[in-house]
Full PDB file with SEQRES, HELIX, SHEET, SSBOND, CRYST1, ORIGX, SCALE, CONECT and MASTER records, all heavy atoms in Angstrom:
SEQRES   1 A   40  SER GLY ALA ALA SER LEU ASP PHE LEU SER LEU ALA PRO          
SEQRES   2 A   40  LEU THR PHE GLU PRO ALA ASP PRO LEU ARG PHE PRO GLY          
SEQRES   3 A   40  LEU GLN LEU ALA TRP ASP CYS LEU ARG ALA ALA THR GLY          
SEQRES   4 A   40  ALA                                                          
HELIX    1 AA1 PRO A   25  GLN A   28  5                                   4    
HELIX    2 AA2 LEU A   29  ARG A   35  1                                   7    
CRYST1    1.000    1.000    1.000  90.00  90.00  90.00 P 1           1          
ORIGX1      1.000000  0.000000  0.000000        0.00000                         
ORIGX2      0.000000  1.000000  0.000000        0.00000                         
ORIGX3      0.000000  0.000000  1.000000        0.00000                         
SCALE1      1.000000  0.000000  0.000000        0.00000                         
SCALE2      0.000000  1.000000  0.000000        0.00000                         
SCALE3      0.000000  0.000000  1.000000        0.00000                         
ATOM      1  N   SER A   1       0.568  -8.295 -23.193  1.00  0.00           N  
ATOM      2  CA  SER A   1       0.846  -8.989 -21.935  1.00  0.00           C  
ATOM      3  C   SER A   1      -0.062 -10.188 -21.688  1.00  0.00           C  
ATOM      4  O   SER A   1       0.289 -11.092 -20.933  1.00  0.00           O  
ATOM      5  CB  SER A   1       0.691  -8.018 -20.756  1.00  0.00           C  
ATOM      6  OG  SER A   1      -0.677  -7.637 -20.607  1.00  0.00           O  
ATOM      7  N   GLY A   2      -1.230 -10.174 -22.282  1.00  0.00           N  
ATOM      8  CA  GLY A   2      -2.220 -11.213 -21.994  1.00  0.00           C  
ATOM      9  C   GLY A   2      -3.171 -10.849 -20.878  1.00  0.00           C  
ATOM     10  O   GLY A   2      -4.092 -11.606 -20.564  1.00  0.00           O  
ATOM     11  N   ALA A   3      -2.947  -9.679 -20.261  1.00  0.00           N  
ATOM     12  CA  ALA A   3      -3.854  -9.224 -19.197  1.00  0.00           C  
ATOM     13  C   ALA A   3      -5.102  -8.608 -19.815  1.00  0.00           C  
ATOM     14  O   ALA A   3      -5.079  -8.087 -20.932  1.00  0.00           O  
ATOM     15  CB  ALA A   3      -3.151  -8.208 -18.306  1.00  0.00           C  
ATOM     16  N   ALA A   4      -6.196  -8.662 -19.065  1.00  0.00           N  
ATOM     17  CA  ALA A   4      -7.437  -8.036 -19.518  1.00  0.00           C  
ATOM     18  C   ALA A   4      -7.314  -6.517 -19.440  1.00  0.00           C  
ATOM     19  O   ALA A   4      -6.640  -5.976 -18.566  1.00  0.00           O  
ATOM     20  CB  ALA A   4      -8.603  -8.505 -18.652  1.00  0.00           C  
ATOM     21  N   SER A   5      -7.956  -5.822 -20.370  1.00  0.00           N  
ATOM     22  CA  SER A   5      -7.963  -4.362 -20.364  1.00  0.00           C  
ATOM     23  C   SER A   5      -9.007  -3.847 -19.383  1.00  0.00           C  
ATOM     24  O   SER A   5     -10.004  -4.518 -19.094  1.00  0.00           O  
ATOM     25  CB  SER A   5      -8.267  -3.822 -21.766  1.00  0.00           C  
ATOM     26  OG  SER A   5      -7.260  -4.188 -22.671  1.00  0.00           O  
ATOM     27  N   LEU A   6      -8.763  -2.649 -18.878  1.00  0.00           N  
ATOM     28  CA  LEU A   6      -9.749  -2.025 -18.001  1.00  0.00           C  
ATOM     29  C   LEU A   6     -10.984  -1.611 -18.795  1.00  0.00           C  
ATOM     30  O   LEU A   6     -10.867  -1.078 -19.903  1.00  0.00           O  
ATOM     31  CB  LEU A   6      -9.158  -0.771 -17.349  1.00  0.00           C  
ATOM     32  CG  LEU A   6      -8.251  -0.930 -16.140  1.00  0.00           C  
ATOM     33  CD1 LEU A   6      -7.799   0.449 -15.655  1.00  0.00           C  
ATOM     34  CD2 LEU A   6      -8.953  -1.668 -15.018  1.00  0.00           C  
ATOM     35  N   ASP A   7     -12.143  -1.839 -18.221  1.00  0.00           N  
ATOM     36  CA  ASP A   7     -13.402  -1.332 -18.769  1.00  0.00           C  
ATOM     37  C   ASP A   7     -13.873  -0.231 -17.827  1.00  0.00           C  
ATOM     38  O   ASP A   7     -14.445  -0.498 -16.768  1.00  0.00           O  
ATOM     39  CB  ASP A   7     -14.435  -2.453 -18.858  1.00  0.00           C  
ATOM     40  CG  ASP A   7     -15.769  -1.975 -19.424  1.00  0.00           C  
ATOM     41  OD1 ASP A   7     -15.925  -0.756 -19.647  1.00  0.00           O  
ATOM     42  OD2 ASP A   7     -16.662  -2.823 -19.616  1.00  0.00           O  
ATOM     43  N   PHE A   8     -13.613   1.016 -18.204  1.00  0.00           N  
ATOM     44  CA  PHE A   8     -13.894   2.121 -17.290  1.00  0.00           C  
ATOM     45  C   PHE A   8     -15.386   2.280 -17.006  1.00  0.00           C  
ATOM     46  O   PHE A   8     -15.769   2.795 -15.953  1.00  0.00           O  
ATOM     47  CB  PHE A   8     -13.331   3.422 -17.865  1.00  0.00           C  
ATOM     48  CG  PHE A   8     -11.843   3.526 -17.734  1.00  0.00           C  
ATOM     49  CD1 PHE A   8     -11.009   3.132 -18.764  1.00  0.00           C  
ATOM     50  CD2 PHE A   8     -11.266   3.999 -16.573  1.00  0.00           C  
ATOM     51  CE1 PHE A   8      -9.635   3.211 -18.650  1.00  0.00           C  
ATOM     52  CE2 PHE A   8      -9.895   4.090 -16.432  1.00  0.00           C  
ATOM     53  CZ  PHE A   8      -9.071   3.700 -17.476  1.00  0.00           C  
ATOM     54  N   LEU A   9     -16.229   1.821 -17.912  1.00  0.00           N  
ATOM     55  CA  LEU A   9     -17.671   1.982 -17.703  1.00  0.00           C  
ATOM     56  C   LEU A   9     -18.229   0.972 -16.707  1.00  0.00           C  
ATOM     57  O   LEU A   9     -19.344   1.151 -16.204  1.00  0.00           O  
ATOM     58  CB  LEU A   9     -18.403   1.863 -19.040  1.00  0.00           C  
ATOM     59  CG  LEU A   9     -18.050   2.937 -20.072  1.00  0.00           C  
ATOM     60  CD1 LEU A   9     -18.872   2.736 -21.342  1.00  0.00           C  
ATOM     61  CD2 LEU A   9     -18.291   4.334 -19.506  1.00  0.00           C  
ATOM     62  N   SER A  10     -17.465  -0.071 -16.423  1.00  0.00           N  
ATOM     63  CA  SER A  10     -17.957  -1.063 -15.466  1.00  0.00           C  
ATOM     64  C   SER A  10     -17.172  -1.049 -14.150  1.00  0.00           C  
ATOM     65  O   SER A  10     -17.439  -1.856 -13.274  1.00  0.00           O  
ATOM     66  CB  SER A  10     -17.889  -2.464 -16.085  1.00  0.00           C  
ATOM     67  OG  SER A  10     -16.547  -2.831 -16.345  1.00  0.00           O  
ATOM     68  N   LEU A  11     -16.212  -0.141 -14.028  1.00  0.00           N  
ATOM     69  CA  LEU A  11     -15.406  -0.083 -12.809  1.00  0.00           C  
ATOM     70  C   LEU A  11     -16.240   0.351 -11.610  1.00  0.00           C  
ATOM     71  O   LEU A  11     -17.091   1.239 -11.716  1.00  0.00           O  
ATOM     72  CB  LEU A  11     -14.251   0.910 -12.969  1.00  0.00           C  
ATOM     73  CG  LEU A  11     -13.001   0.470 -13.723  1.00  0.00           C  
ATOM     74  CD1 LEU A  11     -11.986   1.601 -13.712  1.00  0.00           C  
ATOM     75  CD2 LEU A  11     -12.408  -0.781 -13.099  1.00  0.00           C  
ATOM     76  N   ALA A  12     -15.952  -0.261 -10.469  1.00  0.00           N  
ATOM     77  CA  ALA A  12     -16.515   0.236  -9.217  1.00  0.00           C  
ATOM     78  C   ALA A  12     -15.813   1.548  -8.866  1.00  0.00           C  
ATOM     79  O   ALA A  12     -14.728   1.848  -9.378  1.00  0.00           O  
ATOM     80  CB  ALA A  12     -16.297  -0.790  -8.110  1.00  0.00           C  
ATOM     81  N   PRO A  13     -16.421   2.371  -8.001  1.00  0.00           N  
ATOM     82  CA  PRO A  13     -15.750   3.616  -7.587  1.00  0.00           C  
ATOM     83  C   PRO A  13     -14.369   3.326  -7.007  1.00  0.00           C  
ATOM     84  O   PRO A  13     -14.171   2.327  -6.306  1.00  0.00           O  
ATOM     85  CB  PRO A  13     -16.701   4.179  -6.520  1.00  0.00           C  
ATOM     86  CG  PRO A  13     -18.039   3.607  -6.859  1.00  0.00           C  
ATOM     87  CD  PRO A  13     -17.761   2.235  -7.391  1.00  0.00           C  
ATOM     88  N   LEU A  14     -13.430   4.195  -7.301  1.00  0.00           N  
ATOM     89  CA  LEU A  14     -12.069   4.055  -6.778  1.00  0.00           C  
ATOM     90  C   LEU A  14     -11.979   4.828  -5.467  1.00  0.00           C  
ATOM     91  O   LEU A  14     -12.274   6.024  -5.416  1.00  0.00           O  
ATOM     92  CB  LEU A  14     -11.053   4.595  -7.788  1.00  0.00           C  
ATOM     93  CG  LEU A  14     -11.090   3.963  -9.183  1.00  0.00           C  
ATOM     94  CD1 LEU A  14      -9.975   4.533 -10.055  1.00  0.00           C  
ATOM     95  CD2 LEU A  14     -10.990   2.442  -9.109  1.00  0.00           C  
ATOM     96  N   THR A  15     -11.589   4.134  -4.418  1.00  0.00           N  
ATOM     97  CA  THR A  15     -11.566   4.743  -3.093  1.00  0.00           C  
ATOM     98  C   THR A  15     -10.174   4.661  -2.480  1.00  0.00           C  
ATOM     99  O   THR A  15      -9.345   3.829  -2.866  1.00  0.00           O  
ATOM    100  CB  THR A  15     -12.568   4.052  -2.153  1.00  0.00           C  
ATOM    101  OG1 THR A  15     -12.204   2.659  -2.018  1.00  0.00           O  
ATOM    102  CG2 THR A  15     -13.982   4.142  -2.699  1.00  0.00           C  
ATOM    103  N   PHE A  16      -9.937   5.531  -1.490  1.00  0.00           N  
ATOM    104  CA  PHE A  16      -8.639   5.622  -0.837  1.00  0.00           C  
ATOM    105  C   PHE A  16      -8.851   5.857   0.650  1.00  0.00           C  
ATOM    106  O   PHE A  16      -9.800   6.522   1.054  1.00  0.00           O  
ATOM    107  CB  PHE A  16      -7.811   6.768  -1.440  1.00  0.00           C  
ATOM    108  CG  PHE A  16      -7.681   6.671  -2.932  1.00  0.00           C  
ATOM    109  CD1 PHE A  16      -8.613   7.281  -3.767  1.00  0.00           C  
ATOM    110  CD2 PHE A  16      -6.655   5.942  -3.502  1.00  0.00           C  
ATOM    111  CE1 PHE A  16      -8.515   7.171  -5.145  1.00  0.00           C  
ATOM    112  CE2 PHE A  16      -6.546   5.824  -4.878  1.00  0.00           C  
ATOM    113  CZ  PHE A  16      -7.475   6.436  -5.693  1.00  0.00           C  
ATOM    114  N   GLU A  17      -7.959   5.311   1.450  1.00  0.00           N  
ATOM    115  CA  GLU A  17      -8.064   5.475   2.898  1.00  0.00           C  
ATOM    116  C   GLU A  17      -6.694   5.268   3.529  1.00  0.00           C  
ATOM    117  O   GLU A  17      -5.808   4.656   2.920  1.00  0.00           O  
ATOM    118  CB  GLU A  17      -9.079   4.477   3.481  1.00  0.00           C  
ATOM    119  CG  GLU A  17      -8.746   3.023   3.182  1.00  0.00           C  
ATOM    120  CD  GLU A  17      -9.935   2.092   3.409  1.00  0.00           C  
ATOM    121  OE1 GLU A  17     -10.950   2.201   2.687  1.00  0.00           O  
ATOM    122  OE2 GLU A  17      -9.813   1.243   4.307  1.00  0.00           O  
ATOM    123  N   PRO A  18      -6.498   5.771   4.743  1.00  0.00           N  
ATOM    124  CA  PRO A  18      -5.207   5.566   5.410  1.00  0.00           C  
ATOM    125  C   PRO A  18      -5.078   4.135   5.919  1.00  0.00           C  
ATOM    126  O   PRO A  18      -6.083   3.435   6.115  1.00  0.00           O  
ATOM    127  CB  PRO A  18      -5.244   6.562   6.566  1.00  0.00           C  
ATOM    128  CG  PRO A  18      -6.708   6.731   6.862  1.00  0.00           C  
ATOM    129  CD  PRO A  18      -7.412   6.610   5.538  1.00  0.00           C  
ATOM    130  N   ALA A  19      -3.859   3.697   6.120  1.00  0.00           N  
ATOM    131  CA  ALA A  19      -3.608   2.380   6.716  1.00  0.00           C  
ATOM    132  C   ALA A  19      -3.749   2.493   8.234  1.00  0.00           C  
ATOM    133  O   ALA A  19      -3.088   3.321   8.865  1.00  0.00           O  
ATOM    134  CB  ALA A  19      -2.211   1.898   6.353  1.00  0.00           C  
ATOM    135  N   ASP A  20      -4.616   1.680   8.793  1.00  0.00           N  
ATOM    136  CA  ASP A  20      -4.881   1.697  10.234  1.00  0.00           C  
ATOM    137  C   ASP A  20      -3.675   1.115  10.977  1.00  0.00           C  
ATOM    138  O   ASP A  20      -3.343  -0.061  10.794  1.00  0.00           O  
ATOM    139  CB  ASP A  20      -6.130   0.875  10.522  1.00  0.00           C  
ATOM    140  CG  ASP A  20      -6.514   0.863  11.993  1.00  0.00           C  
ATOM    141  OD1 ASP A  20      -5.762   1.405  12.824  1.00  0.00           O  
ATOM    142  OD2 ASP A  20      -7.584   0.300  12.322  1.00  0.00           O  
ATOM    143  N   PRO A  21      -3.012   1.907  11.833  1.00  0.00           N  
ATOM    144  CA  PRO A  21      -1.832   1.379  12.536  1.00  0.00           C  
ATOM    145  C   PRO A  21      -2.153   0.262  13.522  1.00  0.00           C  
ATOM    146  O   PRO A  21      -1.260  -0.498  13.899  1.00  0.00           O  
ATOM    147  CB  PRO A  21      -1.274   2.614  13.251  1.00  0.00           C  
ATOM    148  CG  PRO A  21      -2.419   3.569  13.349  1.00  0.00           C  
ATOM    149  CD  PRO A  21      -3.266   3.319  12.153  1.00  0.00           C  
ATOM    150  N   LEU A  22      -3.423   0.129  13.941  1.00  0.00           N  
ATOM    151  CA  LEU A  22      -3.789  -0.979  14.824  1.00  0.00           C  
ATOM    152  C   LEU A  22      -3.874  -2.289  14.048  1.00  0.00           C  
ATOM    153  O   LEU A  22      -3.506  -3.352  14.556  1.00  0.00           O  
ATOM    154  CB  LEU A  22      -5.123  -0.690  15.513  1.00  0.00           C  
ATOM    155  CG  LEU A  22      -5.123   0.466  16.513  1.00  0.00           C  
ATOM    156  CD1 LEU A  22      -6.524   0.680  17.093  1.00  0.00           C  
ATOM    157  CD2 LEU A  22      -4.140   0.180  17.648  1.00  0.00           C  
ATOM    158  N   ARG A  23      -4.368  -2.234  12.827  1.00  0.00           N  
ATOM    159  CA  ARG A  23      -4.436  -3.439  11.993  1.00  0.00           C  
ATOM    160  C   ARG A  23      -3.082  -3.765  11.372  1.00  0.00           C  
ATOM    161  O   ARG A  23      -2.752  -4.926  11.172  1.00  0.00           O  
ATOM    162  CB  ARG A  23      -5.448  -3.258  10.857  1.00  0.00           C  
ATOM    163  CG  ARG A  23      -6.895  -3.319  11.269  1.00  0.00           C  
ATOM    164  CD  ARG A  23      -7.787  -3.413  10.042  1.00  0.00           C  
ATOM    165  NE  ARG A  23      -9.188  -3.375  10.417  1.00  0.00           N  
ATOM    166  CZ  ARG A  23      -9.895  -2.257  10.548  1.00  0.00           C  
ATOM    167  NH1 ARG A  23      -9.316  -1.092  10.325  1.00  0.00           N  
ATOM    168  NH2 ARG A  23     -11.162  -2.299  10.908  1.00  0.00           N  
ATOM    169  N   PHE A  24      -2.321  -2.731  11.048  1.00  0.00           N  
ATOM    170  CA  PHE A  24      -1.077  -2.913  10.295  1.00  0.00           C  
ATOM    171  C   PHE A  24       0.103  -2.235  10.998  1.00  0.00           C  
ATOM    172  O   PHE A  24       0.725  -1.321  10.447  1.00  0.00           O  
ATOM    173  CB  PHE A  24      -1.249  -2.344   8.884  1.00  0.00           C  
ATOM    174  CG  PHE A  24      -2.456  -2.863   8.146  1.00  0.00           C  
ATOM    175  CD1 PHE A  24      -3.489  -2.009   7.795  1.00  0.00           C  
ATOM    176  CD2 PHE A  24      -2.546  -4.204   7.801  1.00  0.00           C  
ATOM    177  CE1 PHE A  24      -4.598  -2.479   7.097  1.00  0.00           C  
ATOM    178  CE2 PHE A  24      -3.656  -4.688   7.107  1.00  0.00           C  
ATOM    179  CZ  PHE A  24      -4.685  -3.821   6.759  1.00  0.00           C  
ATOM    180  N   PRO A  25       0.429  -2.661  12.212  1.00  0.00           N  
ATOM    181  CA  PRO A  25       1.506  -1.982  12.951  1.00  0.00           C  
ATOM    182  C   PRO A  25       2.879  -2.163  12.307  1.00  0.00           C  
ATOM    183  O   PRO A  25       3.784  -1.354  12.532  1.00  0.00           O  
ATOM    184  CB  PRO A  25       1.449  -2.646  14.331  1.00  0.00           C  
ATOM    185  CG  PRO A  25       0.862  -4.011  14.073  1.00  0.00           C  
ATOM    186  CD  PRO A  25      -0.142  -3.789  12.986  1.00  0.00           C  
ATOM    187  N   GLY A  26       3.038  -3.208  11.489  1.00  0.00           N  
ATOM    188  CA  GLY A  26       4.340  -3.458  10.897  1.00  0.00           C  
ATOM    189  C   GLY A  26       4.745  -2.464   9.827  1.00  0.00           C  
ATOM    190  O   GLY A  26       5.936  -2.340   9.509  1.00  0.00           O  
ATOM    191  N   LEU A  27       3.792  -1.737   9.271  1.00  0.00           N  
ATOM    192  CA  LEU A  27       4.112  -0.805   8.190  1.00  0.00           C  
ATOM    193  C   LEU A  27       5.107   0.264   8.643  1.00  0.00           C  
ATOM    194  O   LEU A  27       6.039   0.608   7.912  1.00  0.00           O  
ATOM    195  CB  LEU A  27       2.826  -0.159   7.680  1.00  0.00           C  
ATOM    196  CG  LEU A  27       2.968   0.825   6.517  1.00  0.00           C  
ATOM    197  CD1 LEU A  27       3.589   0.156   5.299  1.00  0.00           C  
ATOM    198  CD2 LEU A  27       1.604   1.424   6.165  1.00  0.00           C  
ATOM    199  N   GLN A  28       4.932   0.780   9.845  1.00  0.00           N  
ATOM    200  CA  GLN A  28       5.793   1.857  10.336  1.00  0.00           C  
ATOM    201  C   GLN A  28       7.252   1.414  10.472  1.00  0.00           C  
ATOM    202  O   GLN A  28       8.169   2.246  10.423  1.00  0.00           O  
ATOM    203  CB  GLN A  28       5.278   2.349  11.696  1.00  0.00           C  
ATOM    204  CG  GLN A  28       6.084   3.479  12.316  1.00  0.00           C  
ATOM    205  CD  GLN A  28       6.152   4.726  11.442  1.00  0.00           C  
ATOM    206  OE1 GLN A  28       5.179   5.096  10.782  1.00  0.00           O  
ATOM    207  NE2 GLN A  28       7.307   5.384  11.413  1.00  0.00           N  
ATOM    208  N   LEU A  29       7.487   0.108  10.600  1.00  0.00           N  
ATOM    209  CA  LEU A  29       8.866  -0.375  10.746  1.00  0.00           C  
ATOM    210  C   LEU A  29       9.727  -0.018   9.535  1.00  0.00           C  
ATOM    211  O   LEU A  29      10.951   0.083   9.649  1.00  0.00           O  
ATOM    212  CB  LEU A  29       8.870  -1.889  10.967  1.00  0.00           C  
ATOM    213  CG  LEU A  29       8.329  -2.379  12.314  1.00  0.00           C  
ATOM    214  CD1 LEU A  29       8.276  -3.904  12.344  1.00  0.00           C  
ATOM    215  CD2 LEU A  29       9.179  -1.854  13.465  1.00  0.00           C  
ATOM    216  N   ALA A  30       9.116   0.188   8.387  1.00  0.00           N  
ATOM    217  CA  ALA A  30       9.891   0.559   7.194  1.00  0.00           C  
ATOM    218  C   ALA A  30      10.632   1.863   7.425  1.00  0.00           C  
ATOM    219  O   ALA A  30      11.856   1.953   7.231  1.00  0.00           O  
ATOM    220  CB  ALA A  30       8.969   0.682   5.983  1.00  0.00           C  
ATOM    221  N   TRP A  31       9.911   2.899   7.838  1.00  0.00           N  
ATOM    222  CA  TRP A  31      10.544   4.202   8.048  1.00  0.00           C  
ATOM    223  C   TRP A  31      11.477   4.172   9.255  1.00  0.00           C  
ATOM    224  O   TRP A  31      12.536   4.790   9.233  1.00  0.00           O  
ATOM    225  CB  TRP A  31       9.470   5.266   8.215  1.00  0.00           C  
ATOM    226  CG  TRP A  31       8.715   5.515   6.939  1.00  0.00           C  
ATOM    227  CD1 TRP A  31       9.086   6.325   5.894  1.00  0.00           C  
ATOM    228  CD2 TRP A  31       7.464   4.937   6.559  1.00  0.00           C  
ATOM    229  NE1 TRP A  31       8.157   6.291   4.896  1.00  0.00           N  
ATOM    230  CE2 TRP A  31       7.133   5.454   5.270  1.00  0.00           C  
ATOM    231  CE3 TRP A  31       6.577   4.051   7.164  1.00  0.00           C  
ATOM    232  CZ2 TRP A  31       5.979   5.105   4.604  1.00  0.00           C  
ATOM    233  CZ3 TRP A  31       5.420   3.703   6.485  1.00  0.00           C  
ATOM    234  CH2 TRP A  31       5.135   4.215   5.218  1.00  0.00           C  
ATOM    235  N   ASP A  32      11.087   3.433  10.295  1.00  0.00           N  
ATOM    236  CA  ASP A  32      11.957   3.318  11.470  1.00  0.00           C  
ATOM    237  C   ASP A  32      13.312   2.727  11.084  1.00  0.00           C  
ATOM    238  O   ASP A  32      14.364   3.223  11.505  1.00  0.00           O  
ATOM    239  CB  ASP A  32      11.299   2.442  12.544  1.00  0.00           C  
ATOM    240  CG  ASP A  32      10.036   3.060  13.130  1.00  0.00           C  
ATOM    241  OD1 ASP A  32       9.816   4.277  12.941  1.00  0.00           O  
ATOM    242  OD2 ASP A  32       9.263   2.315  13.766  1.00  0.00           O  
ATOM    243  N   CYS A  33      13.293   1.666  10.282  1.00  0.00           N  
ATOM    244  CA  CYS A  33      14.548   0.997   9.903  1.00  0.00           C  
ATOM    245  C   CYS A  33      15.360   1.824   8.917  1.00  0.00           C  
ATOM    246  O   CYS A  33      16.593   1.817   8.962  1.00  0.00           O  
ATOM    247  CB  CYS A  33      14.251  -0.389   9.326  1.00  0.00           C  
ATOM    248  SG  CYS A  33      13.714  -1.587  10.572  1.00  0.00           S  
ATOM    249  N   LEU A  34      14.691   2.551   8.027  1.00  0.00           N  
ATOM    250  CA  LEU A  34      15.420   3.396   7.087  1.00  0.00           C  
ATOM    251  C   LEU A  34      16.127   4.542   7.801  1.00  0.00           C  
ATOM    252  O   LEU A  34      17.168   5.024   7.338  1.00  0.00           O  
ATOM    253  CB  LEU A  34      14.478   3.947   6.020  1.00  0.00           C  
ATOM    254  CG  LEU A  34      14.086   2.964   4.913  1.00  0.00           C  
ATOM    255  CD1 LEU A  34      12.967   3.530   4.059  1.00  0.00           C  
ATOM    256  CD2 LEU A  34      15.288   2.609   4.041  1.00  0.00           C  
ATOM    257  N   ARG A  35      15.570   4.981   8.919  1.00  0.00           N  
ATOM    258  CA  ARG A  35      16.215   6.053   9.699  1.00  0.00           C  
ATOM    259  C   ARG A  35      17.298   5.519  10.617  1.00  0.00           C  
ATOM    260  O   ARG A  35      18.102   6.297  11.144  1.00  0.00           O  
ATOM    261  CB  ARG A  35      15.161   6.796  10.523  1.00  0.00           C  
ATOM    262  CG  ARG A  35      14.108   7.542   9.696  1.00  0.00           C  
ATOM    263  CD  ARG A  35      13.221   8.388  10.590  1.00  0.00           C  
ATOM    264  NE  ARG A  35      12.022   8.824   9.897  1.00  0.00           N  
ATOM    265  CZ  ARG A  35      10.816   8.277  10.061  1.00  0.00           C  
ATOM    266  NH1 ARG A  35      10.653   7.289  10.925  1.00  0.00           N  
ATOM    267  NH2 ARG A  35       9.770   8.734   9.400  1.00  0.00           N  
ATOM    268  N   ALA A  36      17.307   4.217  10.843  1.00  0.00           N  
ATOM    269  CA  ALA A  36      18.265   3.604  11.762  1.00  0.00           C  
ATOM    270  C   ALA A  36      19.585   3.320  11.050  1.00  0.00           C  
ATOM    271  O   ALA A  36      19.813   3.743   9.911  1.00  0.00           O  
ATOM    272  CB  ALA A  36      17.670   2.325  12.349  1.00  0.00           C  
ATOM    273  N   ALA A  37      20.463   2.586  11.721  1.00  0.00           N  
ATOM    274  CA  ALA A  37      21.778   2.278  11.169  1.00  0.00           C  
ATOM    275  C   ALA A  37      21.658   1.390   9.932  1.00  0.00           C  
ATOM    276  O   ALA A  37      20.695   0.628   9.790  1.00  0.00           O  
ATOM    277  CB  ALA A  37      22.631   1.579  12.227  1.00  0.00           C  
ATOM    278  N   THR A  38      22.638   1.495   9.035  1.00  0.00           N  
ATOM    279  CA  THR A  38      22.698   0.604   7.878  1.00  0.00           C  
ATOM    280  C   THR A  38      22.698  -0.845   8.354  1.00  0.00           C  
ATOM    281  O   THR A  38      23.440  -1.209   9.261  1.00  0.00           O  
ATOM    282  CB  THR A  38      23.972   0.869   7.062  1.00  0.00           C  
ATOM    283  OG1 THR A  38      23.968   2.217   6.624  1.00  0.00           O  
ATOM    284  CG2 THR A  38      24.050  -0.063   5.854  1.00  0.00           C  
ATOM    285  N   GLY A  39      21.857  -1.649   7.764  1.00  0.00           N  
ATOM    286  CA  GLY A  39      21.712  -3.040   8.185  1.00  0.00           C  
ATOM    287  C   GLY A  39      20.418  -3.302   8.932  1.00  0.00           C  
ATOM    288  O   GLY A  39      20.000  -4.457   9.079  1.00  0.00           O  
ATOM    289  N   ALA A  40      19.752  -2.234   9.400  1.00  0.00           N  
ATOM    290  CA  ALA A  40      18.494  -2.422  10.137  1.00  0.00           C  
ATOM    291  C   ALA A  40      17.423  -3.035   9.243  1.00  0.00           C  
ATOM    292  O   ALA A  40      16.621  -3.868   9.691  1.00  0.00           O  
ATOM    293  CB  ALA A  40      18.010  -1.091  10.711  1.00  0.00           C  
TER     294      ALA A  40                                                      
MASTER        0    0    0    2    0    0    0    6  293    1    0    4          
END                                                                             
């Protein structure tokens, strides 16, 4: 591909966290629209 390979010995720790609904209120619209009528 031409992409660089991962160097696992130099990687920073891998972390995970929830998406803050105050910072990212638009994310919830995905599920709202999928539950709504076709075309939403």
